[in-house]
Protein backbone atom coordinates (compact mmCIF):
# COMPACT_ATOMS: atom_id res chain seq x y z
CA MET A 1 0.01 -0.04 -0.05
CA GLY A 2 2.68 2.41 0.99
CA SER A 3 4.68 1.96 -2.29
CA GLU A 4 1.51 2.49 -4.32
CA GLN A 5 0.62 5.62 -2.58
CA THR A 6 4.14 6.95 -2.97
CA LYS A 7 4.06 6.22 -6.69
CA ASN A 8 0.71 7.93 -7.17
CA LYS A 9 1.63 11.05 -5.35
CA PRO A 10 3.08 13.77 -7.52
CA ASP A 11 6.73 14.53 -6.89
CA ALA A 12 7.48 18.23 -6.63
CA THR A 13 10.89 17.70 -8.24
CA ASP A 14 9.13 16.32 -11.32
CA LEU A 15 6.81 19.27 -11.65
CA LYS A 16 8.45 22.33 -10.20
CA SER A 17 9.94 24.96 -12.47
CA ASP A 18 11.51 28.30 -11.87
CA LEU A 19 9.01 31.12 -12.54
CA THR A 20 10.00 34.66 -13.30
CA SER A 21 8.24 37.47 -11.39
CA GLU A 22 6.24 38.25 -14.51
CA GLU A 23 5.21 34.55 -14.92
CA LYS A 24 4.16 34.46 -11.28
CA LYS A 25 1.99 37.60 -11.77
CA THR A 26 0.41 36.16 -14.88
CA LYS A 27 -0.17 32.85 -13.00
CA LYS A 28 -1.89 34.66 -10.16
CA GLU A 29 -4.13 36.65 -12.54
CA THR A 30 -5.28 33.41 -14.23
CA GLU A 31 -5.76 31.46 -11.04
CA LYS A 32 -9.05 29.56 -10.72
CA CYS A 33 -10.74 30.20 -7.38
CA TYR A 34 -13.79 28.77 -5.64
CA ASP A 35 -16.94 30.82 -5.34
CA PRO A 36 -17.14 31.45 -1.56
CA GLU A 37 -20.91 31.51 -1.85
CA ASP A 38 -20.95 27.96 -3.42
CA SER A 39 -23.04 25.98 -0.88
CA THR A 40 -22.22 22.66 -2.57
CA LEU A 41 -18.58 22.86 -1.38
CA ARG A 42 -17.21 22.09 2.07
CA PHE A 43 -14.77 24.93 2.83
CA ILE A 44 -12.16 24.54 5.51
CA ASP A 45 -9.37 26.64 6.94
CA ARG A 46 -6.46 24.33 6.29
CA GLU A 47 -3.34 24.00 4.15
CA ASP A 48 -3.69 23.04 0.51
CA GLU A 49 -2.74 19.30 0.64
CA MET A 50 -2.40 18.99 -3.09
CA ASP A 51 0.02 21.92 -3.44
CA PHE A 52 3.09 19.86 -3.98
CA LEU A 53 4.67 22.72 -5.94
CA CYS A 54 4.35 25.23 -3.07
CA ASN A 55 2.53 27.73 -5.30
CA ASP A 56 0.50 28.98 -2.31
CA TYR A 57 -2.66 29.40 -4.30
CA THR A 58 -5.07 32.02 -2.90
CA SER A 59 -8.40 30.20 -3.37
CA ARG A 60 -10.18 28.99 -0.32
CA ARG A 61 -9.66 25.28 0.52
CA ALA A 62 -12.41 22.80 0.01
CA LEU A 63 -12.63 19.12 0.94
CA MET A 64 -12.57 16.28 -1.49
CA SER A 65 -14.77 13.21 -0.82
CA CYS A 66 -11.81 11.58 0.99
CA GLY A 67 -11.50 14.47 3.37
CA HIS A 68 -8.33 16.16 2.05
CA ALA A 69 -8.19 19.88 1.31
CA VAL A 70 -7.51 21.20 -2.21
CA THR A 71 -7.78 24.28 -4.38
CA PRO A 72 -8.88 24.28 -7.96
CA MET A 73 -5.33 24.86 -9.25
CA SER A 74 -3.54 22.38 -7.10
CA LEU A 75 -6.05 19.72 -7.98
CA THR A 76 -5.68 20.54 -11.65
CA ASP A 77 -1.89 20.36 -11.36
CA GLY A 78 -1.94 17.01 -9.53
CA CYS A 79 -4.46 15.26 -11.75
CA ARG A 80 -2.60 16.46 -14.85
CA HIS A 81 0.50 14.89 -13.42
CA PHE A 82 -1.35 11.61 -12.92
CA LEU A 83 -2.45 11.60 -16.55
CA ASP A 84 1.08 12.55 -17.80
CA GLN A 85 2.37 9.49 -15.92
CA GLY A 86 0.06 7.20 -17.92
CA GLU A 87 -2.78 6.87 -15.37
CA SER A 88 -6.42 6.90 -16.35
CA ARG A 89 -7.89 7.15 -12.93
CA PHE A 90 -7.46 9.75 -10.23
CA LYS A 91 -6.40 8.67 -6.71
CA CYS A 92 -5.67 10.84 -3.71
CA GLY A 93 -2.29 9.53 -3.05
CA GLN A 94 -1.93 11.21 0.37
CA THR A 95 -0.32 9.10 3.10
CA ARG A 96 -2.61 6.23 4.08
CA CYS A 97 -5.27 7.46 1.60
CA ASN A 98 -5.74 5.69 -1.63
CA VAL A 99 -9.32 6.87 -2.33
CA GLU A 100 -10.26 7.04 -6.07
CA TRP A 101 -11.95 10.24 -7.15
CA SER A 102 -14.46 10.10 -9.96
CA TYR A 103 -13.81 12.24 -13.02
CA GLU A 104 -17.11 14.07 -12.25
CA GLU A 105 -15.69 15.06 -8.82
CA VAL A 106 -12.41 16.08 -10.31
CA ARG A 107 -14.15 18.16 -13.01
CA LYS A 108 -16.18 20.02 -10.38
CA MET A 109 -13.56 20.54 -7.71
CA ALA A 110 -10.77 21.52 -10.14
CA LEU A 111 -13.18 23.91 -12.01
CA LEU A 112 -11.92 22.47 -15.23
CA THR A 113 -12.31 24.75 -18.23
CA PRO A 114 -13.69 23.39 -21.54
CA GLU A 115 -10.06 23.25 -22.82
CA GLU A 116 -8.93 21.36 -19.79
CA MET A 117 -11.84 18.96 -19.93
CA LYS A 118 -10.98 18.22 -23.58
CA GLU A 119 -7.29 17.68 -22.61
CA PHE A 120 -8.08 15.45 -19.55
CA GLU A 121 -10.66 13.28 -21.40
CA LYS A 122 -8.36 12.73 -24.33
CA LYS A 123 -5.55 11.62 -21.95
CA MET A 124 -7.90 9.35 -19.97
CA ILE A 125 -9.04 7.61 -23.08
CA ASN A 126 -5.51 7.22 -24.45
CA ASN A 127 -4.25 5.86 -21.08
CA SER A 128 -7.14 3.51 -20.41
CA LYS A 129 -6.85 -0.16 -20.95
CA ASP A 130 -10.66 -0.19 -21.62
CA ALA A 131 -10.18 2.12 -24.67
CA LYS A 132 -10.11 0.52 -28.12
CA SER A 133 -8.90 1.80 -31.47
CA CYS A 134 -11.68 2.20 -33.98
CA PRO A 135 -10.88 0.34 -37.25
CA GLY A 136 -12.71 3.12 -39.24
CA CYS A 137 -11.12 6.34 -38.06
CA LYS A 138 -8.35 5.01 -35.80
CA SER A 139 -9.40 7.15 -32.88
CA ARG A 140 -9.49 5.72 -29.34
CA VAL A 141 -12.94 4.97 -28.04
CA MET A 142 -13.90 4.14 -24.47
CA ARG A 143 -15.99 1.03 -23.94
CA ALA A 144 -19.32 2.05 -22.34
CA ASP A 145 -20.11 -1.48 -21.10
CA LEU A 146 -17.27 -3.90 -20.49
CA ASN A 147 -19.76 -6.74 -20.84
CA ASP A 148 -20.53 -5.78 -24.39
CA LEU A 149 -18.00 -6.31 -27.20
CA SER A 150 -19.81 -3.80 -29.51
CA VAL A 151 -18.40 -0.26 -29.31
CA LEU A 152 -20.12 2.77 -30.58
CA CYS A 153 -17.71 5.24 -32.43
CA SER A 154 -19.25 8.72 -32.46
CA VAL A 155 -16.69 10.07 -34.98
CA CYS A 156 -17.61 7.47 -37.63
CA THR A 157 -21.27 7.73 -36.76
CA ALA A 158 -21.10 11.44 -37.58
CA ASP A 159 -18.97 11.02 -40.73
CA LYS A 160 -21.04 8.23 -42.07
CA LYS A 161 -24.36 9.72 -40.93
CA LYS A 162 -25.43 6.32 -39.59
CA VAL A 163 -24.75 4.40 -36.42
CA TYR A 164 -21.20 2.79 -36.59
CA ARG A 165 -20.18 0.07 -34.23
CA PHE A 166 -17.13 -2.10 -34.23
CA CYS A 167 -16.11 -5.24 -32.42
CA CYS A 168 -13.40 -4.82 -29.81
CA GLN A 169 -12.46 -8.42 -30.17
CA CYS A 170 -11.85 -8.83 -33.96
CA SER A 171 -11.47 -5.10 -34.64
CA ARG A 172 -13.97 -5.03 -37.51
CA GLU A 173 -17.23 -3.29 -38.16
CA TRP A 174 -19.88 -4.96 -35.88
CA LYS A 175 -21.96 -7.61 -37.43
CA GLY A 176 -25.12 -9.05 -35.89
CA PRO A 177 -27.26 -8.21 -32.85
CA PHE A 178 -25.87 -6.62 -29.76
CA PRO A 179 -25.07 -6.47 -26.92
CA ARG A 180 -23.01 -9.66 -26.81
CA SER A 181 -20.10 -10.68 -24.58
CA ASP A 182 -18.84 -13.67 -26.54
CA ARG A 183 -18.38 -12.64 -30.24
CA CYS A 184 -19.89 -10.70 -33.16
CA GLU A 185 -21.06 -12.52 -36.27
CA ASN A 186 -17.93 -11.85 -38.36
CA ASP A 187 -16.10 -14.99 -39.46
CA ASP A 188 -13.20 -15.91 -37.16
CA CYS A 189 -14.32 -13.61 -34.39
CA ILE A 190 -12.83 -15.73 -31.59
CA ASN A 191 -12.14 -14.92 -28.01
CA GLN A 192 -8.79 -16.64 -27.40
CA LEU A 193 -9.29 -16.55 -23.63
CA LEU A 194 -12.59 -18.35 -23.89
CA GLU A 195 -11.00 -20.79 -26.32
CA THR A 196 -8.27 -21.50 -23.75
CA LEU A 197 -10.89 -22.17 -21.02
CA ARG A 198 -12.82 -24.47 -23.44
CA THR A 199 -9.82 -26.62 -24.63
CA CYS A 200 -7.51 -26.76 -21.62
CA PRO A 201 -6.84 -30.25 -20.25
CA GLU A 202 -8.31 -31.37 -16.85
CA ILE A 203 -6.17 -31.21 -13.73
CA ILE A 204 -5.11 -34.06 -11.46
CA PHE A 205 -4.56 -32.70 -8.00
CA GLU A 206 -1.80 -34.29 -5.96
CA GLU A 207 -3.22 -33.55 -2.50
CA VAL A 208 -6.90 -32.81 -3.03
CA GLU A 209 -8.96 -36.01 -2.68
CA ASP A 210 -11.60 -37.33 -5.06
CA VAL A 211 -11.79 -34.44 -7.50
CA THR A 212 -12.09 -35.25 -11.21
CA GLY A 213 -13.16 -33.35 -14.31
CA CYS A 214 -11.70 -29.93 -13.14
CA PRO A 215 -10.22 -27.80 -15.91
CA SER A 216 -6.55 -26.88 -15.37
CA ILE A 217 -7.11 -23.22 -16.20
CA ARG A 218 -9.80 -20.98 -14.61
CA ALA A 219 -10.80 -17.30 -15.10
CA CYS A 220 -10.67 -15.61 -11.59
CA PRO A 221 -14.34 -15.11 -10.57
CA THR A 222 -13.44 -11.63 -9.34
CA CYS A 223 -11.33 -10.02 -12.08
CA GLY A 224 -11.30 -12.48 -15.04
CA GLN A 225 -7.56 -13.14 -15.03
CA LEU A 226 -6.75 -16.60 -16.43
CA VAL A 227 -4.89 -18.62 -13.77
CA GLU A 228 -3.43 -22.13 -13.82
CA HIS A 229 -3.24 -24.32 -10.56
CA SER A 230 0.16 -25.86 -9.70
CA LYS A 231 -1.50 -29.25 -8.86
CA THR A 232 0.13 -29.20 -5.47
CA LYS A 233 -1.17 -28.27 -1.99
CA CYS A 234 -4.80 -27.31 -1.51
CA LYS A 235 -7.54 -26.60 -4.04
CA ASN A 236 -7.55 -22.82 -3.28
CA ILE A 237 -5.52 -20.13 -5.14
CA VAL A 238 -4.73 -16.49 -4.85
CA CYS A 239 -5.29 -14.51 -8.06
CA PRO A 240 -2.01 -12.69 -8.99
CA ARG A 241 -3.99 -9.78 -10.38
CA CYS A 242 -6.67 -8.87 -7.84
CA LYS A 243 -5.17 -10.81 -4.88
CA VAL A 244 -8.51 -12.48 -4.13
CA GLU A 245 -8.42 -16.09 -2.98
CA PHE A 246 -10.89 -18.53 -4.44
CA CYS A 247 -11.55 -22.24 -4.77
CA PHE A 248 -10.24 -23.67 -8.07
CA VAL A 249 -12.76 -26.43 -8.02
CA CYS A 250 -16.14 -24.80 -7.34
CA LEU A 251 -15.06 -21.16 -8.12
CA LYS A 252 -16.53 -19.80 -4.93
CA LEU A 253 -14.45 -17.40 -2.77
CA THR A 254 -12.45 -19.45 -0.29
CA GLU A 255 -14.36 -18.27 2.75
CA GLU A 256 -17.62 -19.30 1.14
CA CYS A 257 -16.30 -22.74 0.00
CA LEU A 258 -14.95 -23.53 3.46
CA LYS A 259 -18.38 -23.13 5.03
CA SER A 260 -19.26 -26.57 3.74
CA SER A 261 -15.94 -28.13 2.81
CA SER A 262 -12.17 -28.10 3.69
CA TYR A 263 -8.98 -27.24 1.82
CA CYS A 264 -8.24 -30.79 0.48
CA LEU A 265 -11.64 -32.29 0.26
CA PRO A 266 -14.27 -32.21 -2.55
CA CYS A 267 -16.60 -29.13 -2.64
CA SER A 268 -20.19 -29.69 -1.44
CA SER A 269 -21.44 -28.14 -4.61
CA GLY A 270 -19.15 -30.24 -6.87
CA VAL A 271 -16.96 -29.16 -9.72
CA ALA A 272 -17.95 -26.00 -11.48
CA SER A 273 -18.40 -26.54 -15.20
CA ARG A 274 -16.00 -24.95 -17.73
CA GLN A 275 -16.48 -21.12 -17.88
CA THR A 276 -18.09 -19.72 -21.05
CA SER A 277 -17.64 -16.07 -20.19
CA ILE A 278 -14.91 -13.91 -18.68
CA PRO A 279 -15.86 -12.10 -15.43
CA VAL A 280 -15.45 -8.33 -15.55
CA TRP A 281 -13.65 -6.75 -12.59
CA LYS A 282 -15.94 -4.33 -10.87
CA ARG A 283 -13.34 -2.21 -9.05
CA LYS A 284 -14.65 -0.33 -6.02
């Protein structure tokens, strides 16, 4: 936790630059400040905890949802730094605080201008692993629903004057009904992860008794990461991606499985069948 927070927290040495007196004057004149009459903000008389550059912004301090105090300018500086470091989400990064802020909260609390919103949104899309390149216009498009392989491209829709969707799996124009989570109707649109789950051999546990017919590869029921059991020790495994422990046999979380079974005995609900869909990680 500590190392992640340190990584997310902007480093003043990365951002700070020497400003001339004229630049400081211009900066002060263009500073964004909160409206002291805005009743939707929670003002507080405290230091600006996002002012890593020591700019001493003059705006009143307001509290973010996590309870840390910011000014519009310091929040803009910090979030821009996150985006420039390749992040697509905004996290507080203060000591012992790893709360994630929604873009809506950042947009409001940073008083983002139309130009800044355009800049931030473009960087968020380019940095996001959930964004896909449109085969028509090559622009990056954010998936609205991670359970749906069809992606609507607003640029191509406007250019072609008709709705344009593409498949984020085979990267061709969408064919067939939607939404669908397995494939579109283009030939050879195959989900290689699902194909792996379908064709992998069965596992023979060395220490788990009386379990047969269990696939050797599973998709983590929490985040969808494909994992393979080592065959040794108990039937439970910790996902290397989300760090959640689950039973490889019945696919229940370990604590749920152990209510009616034990580490090296068959599950009361039996062996879960081969998975035909990849779980989507619902990060909190």
